[in-house]
Amino acid sequence: MAAFQMSEELVGILRQEGAASALQIQVAQLFEDARDDVYRYLMTLGLTPSRSQDATQEVFLRLYAALKGGEEIENPRAWIFRVAHNWGLKVRATHASEHAFDADLEARLAAPENSAEEDMLERERMLRFHRSVEGLSDQQKRCLFLRMEGLRYPEIGAAMGISASAVGEFLRRAMERLRKVRDE
């Protein structure tokens, strides 16, 4: 998990005008509430942990700039994920020649010590799950992740630039495929 603080750049921008304004407090609170979710989402797009961290900071800088510029954002959480989605894809395309983050390696490094049998069973279970998820289309994976983060269909649609009914169809197909793999 990304245990990171606001970057000096972000803190500096939020403190430029002296005392914290309502806008600065709002962005700081959104950062605290959503940064780990945005970070995890960016990881699902294939960004490395450090790139995901940088991209998360960029998303919140863009939020602050948009709000300070007078943009009215009805649903900041959906806006944040839409920007994270677009920025993450741009970063991933820029660094396409690099290897994607290995979730299995992270799990092995972060896992507490268990018995050899428990470790093997857990690795097999996680490997099957990751393979199942990797077998989903990009849209299905993104819809599934955003739904797991608590976004509703219209919010997911807004973040991905698709209709709410398309979100429902992607989620239905993803769940159907994951159930088939589970039952095998």
Protein backbone atom coordinates (compact mmCIF):
# COMPACT_ATOMS: atom_id res chain seq x y z
CA MET A 1 0.00 0.00 0.00
CA ALA A 2 1.19 3.51 -0.69
CA ALA A 3 2.02 5.09 2.59
CA PHE A 4 2.95 8.53 1.37
CA GLN A 5 2.43 12.08 2.46
CA MET A 6 1.52 15.08 0.41
CA SER A 7 4.48 16.08 -1.73
CA GLU A 8 6.32 19.25 -0.85
CA GLU A 9 5.09 20.73 -4.12
CA LEU A 10 1.44 20.07 -3.24
CA VAL A 11 1.85 21.33 0.32
CA GLY A 12 3.64 24.42 -0.99
CA ILE A 13 0.85 25.21 -3.42
CA LEU A 14 -1.79 24.75 -0.75
CA ARG A 15 0.10 27.09 1.62
CA GLN A 16 1.08 29.79 -0.87
CA GLU A 17 -1.61 32.20 0.20
CA GLY A 18 -0.88 31.99 3.93
CA ALA A 19 -3.78 30.71 6.00
CA ALA A 20 -5.63 27.71 4.66
CA SER A 21 -8.65 28.65 2.59
CA ALA A 22 -11.78 26.57 2.33
CA LEU A 23 -10.56 25.37 -1.08
CA GLN A 24 -7.21 24.28 0.34
CA ILE A 25 -8.90 22.44 3.17
CA GLN A 26 -11.32 20.75 0.73
CA VAL A 27 -8.50 19.51 -1.52
CA ALA A 28 -6.43 18.37 1.45
CA GLN A 29 -9.41 16.42 2.81
CA LEU A 30 -10.09 14.84 -0.59
CA PHE A 31 -6.41 13.91 -0.79
CA GLU A 32 -6.55 12.21 2.60
CA ASP A 33 -9.79 10.38 1.75
CA ALA A 34 -9.01 9.22 -1.79
CA ARG A 35 -5.24 9.09 -2.32
CA ASP A 36 -4.86 5.37 -1.53
CA ASP A 37 -7.84 4.51 -3.76
CA VAL A 38 -6.40 6.56 -6.62
CA TYR A 39 -2.98 5.00 -6.07
CA ARG A 40 -4.41 1.47 -6.23
CA TYR A 41 -6.41 2.35 -9.34
CA LEU A 42 -3.30 3.66 -11.07
CA MET A 43 -1.51 0.43 -10.15
CA THR A 44 -4.29 -1.52 -11.90
CA LEU A 45 -3.54 0.49 -15.03
CA GLY A 46 -0.04 -1.00 -14.99
CA LEU A 47 1.94 1.87 -13.48
CA THR A 48 4.85 1.12 -11.17
CA PRO A 49 4.46 2.09 -7.51
CA SER A 50 6.63 5.20 -7.88
CA ARG A 51 4.85 6.30 -11.06
CA SER A 52 1.49 5.65 -9.37
CA GLN A 53 2.55 7.83 -6.48
CA ASP A 54 3.66 10.64 -8.79
CA ALA A 55 0.48 10.36 -10.84
CA THR A 56 -1.65 10.47 -7.68
CA GLN A 57 0.05 13.75 -6.71
CA GLU A 58 -0.54 15.10 -10.21
CA VAL A 59 -4.25 14.27 -10.05
CA PHE A 60 -4.71 16.29 -6.87
CA LEU A 61 -2.63 19.18 -8.19
CA ARG A 62 -4.92 19.26 -11.21
CA LEU A 63 -7.97 19.19 -8.93
CA TYR A 64 -6.68 22.16 -6.98
CA ALA A 65 -5.85 24.07 -10.17
CA ALA A 66 -9.28 23.34 -11.66
CA LEU A 67 -11.13 24.44 -8.52
CA LYS A 68 -8.94 27.52 -8.09
CA GLY A 69 -9.58 28.39 -11.74
CA GLY A 70 -13.31 28.45 -11.02
CA GLU A 71 -14.28 25.11 -12.53
CA GLU A 72 -17.42 23.77 -10.89
CA ILE A 73 -17.05 20.09 -10.07
CA GLU A 74 -20.28 18.46 -8.96
CA ASN A 75 -18.75 15.12 -7.97
CA PRO A 76 -15.08 15.58 -7.01
CA ARG A 77 -14.48 11.84 -6.41
CA ALA A 78 -15.68 10.91 -9.90
CA TRP A 79 -13.68 13.81 -11.34
CA ILE A 80 -10.55 12.60 -9.54
CA PHE A 81 -10.92 9.08 -10.92
CA ARG A 82 -11.62 10.35 -14.45
CA VAL A 83 -8.45 12.46 -14.34
CA ALA A 84 -6.51 9.56 -12.77
CA HIS A 85 -7.74 7.27 -15.54
CA ASN A 86 -6.72 9.63 -18.33
CA TRP A 87 -3.42 10.66 -16.73
CA GLY A 88 -2.57 7.04 -15.85
CA LEU A 89 -3.10 5.92 -19.45
CA LYS A 90 -0.92 8.78 -20.66
CA VAL A 91 1.87 7.92 -18.21
CA ARG A 92 1.61 4.23 -19.09
CA ALA A 93 1.85 4.97 -22.81
CA THR A 94 4.88 7.20 -22.22
CA HIS A 95 6.63 4.41 -20.34
CA ALA A 96 5.28 1.45 -22.33
CA SER A 97 8.70 -0.10 -22.78
CA GLU A 98 9.07 -0.59 -19.03
CA HIS A 99 7.84 -3.73 -17.31
CA ALA A 100 4.50 -3.63 -15.51
CA PHE A 101 4.40 -3.93 -11.74
CA ASP A 102 4.41 -7.55 -10.53
CA ALA A 103 1.61 -7.95 -7.95
CA ASP A 104 2.78 -11.48 -7.11
CA LEU A 105 6.22 -10.20 -6.18
CA GLU A 106 4.73 -7.49 -3.98
CA ALA A 107 2.54 -10.05 -2.22
CA ARG A 108 5.53 -12.31 -1.54
CA LEU A 109 7.60 -9.44 -0.18
CA ALA A 110 4.83 -8.07 2.03
CA ALA A 111 3.34 -11.36 3.27
CA PRO A 112 3.87 -12.33 6.91
CA GLU A 113 5.54 -15.68 7.49
CA ASN A 114 3.16 -18.65 7.33
CA SER A 115 3.76 -22.34 7.05
CA ALA A 116 5.06 -23.55 3.71
CA GLU A 117 1.75 -25.25 2.96
CA GLU A 118 -0.27 -22.09 3.78
CA ASP A 119 2.05 -20.02 1.63
CA MET A 120 1.70 -22.39 -1.31
CA LEU A 121 -2.11 -22.55 -1.05
CA GLU A 122 -2.37 -18.77 -0.76
CA ARG A 123 -0.03 -18.23 -3.71
CA GLU A 124 -2.05 -20.67 -5.83
CA ARG A 125 -5.32 -18.98 -4.86
CA MET A 126 -3.94 -15.50 -5.57
CA LEU A 127 -2.36 -16.64 -8.83
CA ARG A 128 -5.69 -18.06 -10.04
CA PHE A 129 -7.45 -14.86 -9.03
CA HIS A 130 -4.88 -12.61 -10.73
CA ARG A 131 -4.97 -14.71 -13.89
CA SER A 132 -8.76 -14.47 -13.86
CA VAL A 133 -8.66 -10.71 -13.49
CA GLU A 134 -5.92 -10.41 -16.14
CA GLY A 135 -8.22 -12.33 -18.49
CA LEU A 136 -10.80 -9.55 -18.28
CA SER A 137 -10.85 -6.76 -20.82
CA ASP A 138 -9.32 -3.43 -19.81
CA GLN A 139 -12.79 -1.88 -19.55
CA GLN A 140 -14.06 -4.73 -17.37
CA LYS A 141 -11.06 -4.44 -15.03
CA ARG A 142 -11.42 -0.68 -14.69
CA CYS A 143 -15.17 -0.82 -14.13
CA LEU A 144 -14.71 -3.56 -11.54
CA PHE A 145 -12.04 -1.64 -9.66
CA LEU A 146 -13.97 1.63 -9.64
CA ARG A 147 -17.08 -0.19 -8.43
CA MET A 148 -15.03 -1.77 -5.65
CA GLU A 149 -13.97 1.75 -4.69
CA GLY A 150 -17.64 2.62 -4.13
CA LEU A 151 -18.38 4.59 -7.27
CA ARG A 152 -21.85 4.20 -8.75
CA TYR A 153 -22.46 3.29 -12.38
CA PRO A 154 -22.98 6.92 -13.56
CA GLU A 155 -19.78 7.98 -11.75
CA ILE A 156 -17.82 5.13 -13.29
CA GLY A 157 -19.25 6.01 -16.68
CA ALA A 158 -18.22 9.64 -16.23
CA ALA A 159 -14.71 8.62 -15.17
CA MET A 160 -14.28 6.33 -18.16
CA GLY A 161 -16.24 8.30 -20.73
CA ILE A 162 -18.90 5.62 -21.28
CA SER A 163 -22.60 5.28 -20.46
CA ALA A 164 -23.91 3.85 -17.19
CA SER A 165 -25.54 1.00 -19.11
CA ALA A 166 -22.18 0.12 -20.68
CA VAL A 167 -20.67 0.08 -17.18
CA GLY A 168 -23.39 -2.36 -16.09
CA GLU A 169 -22.70 -4.61 -19.06
CA PHE A 170 -18.92 -4.60 -18.47
CA LEU A 171 -19.47 -5.46 -14.80
CA ARG A 172 -21.96 -8.21 -15.61
CA ARG A 173 -19.55 -9.83 -18.07
CA ALA A 174 -16.62 -9.50 -15.65
CA MET A 175 -18.54 -11.14 -12.80
CA GLU A 176 -19.78 -13.91 -15.09
CA ARG A 177 -16.24 -14.67 -16.20
CA LEU A 178 -14.84 -14.59 -12.65
CA ARG A 179 -17.60 -16.94 -11.46
CA LYS A 180 -16.74 -19.43 -14.21
CA VAL A 181 -13.11 -19.46 -13.18
CA ARG A 182 -14.04 -19.82 -9.49
CA ASP A 183 -16.30 -22.79 -10.24
CA GLU A 184 -13.65 -24.61 -12.29
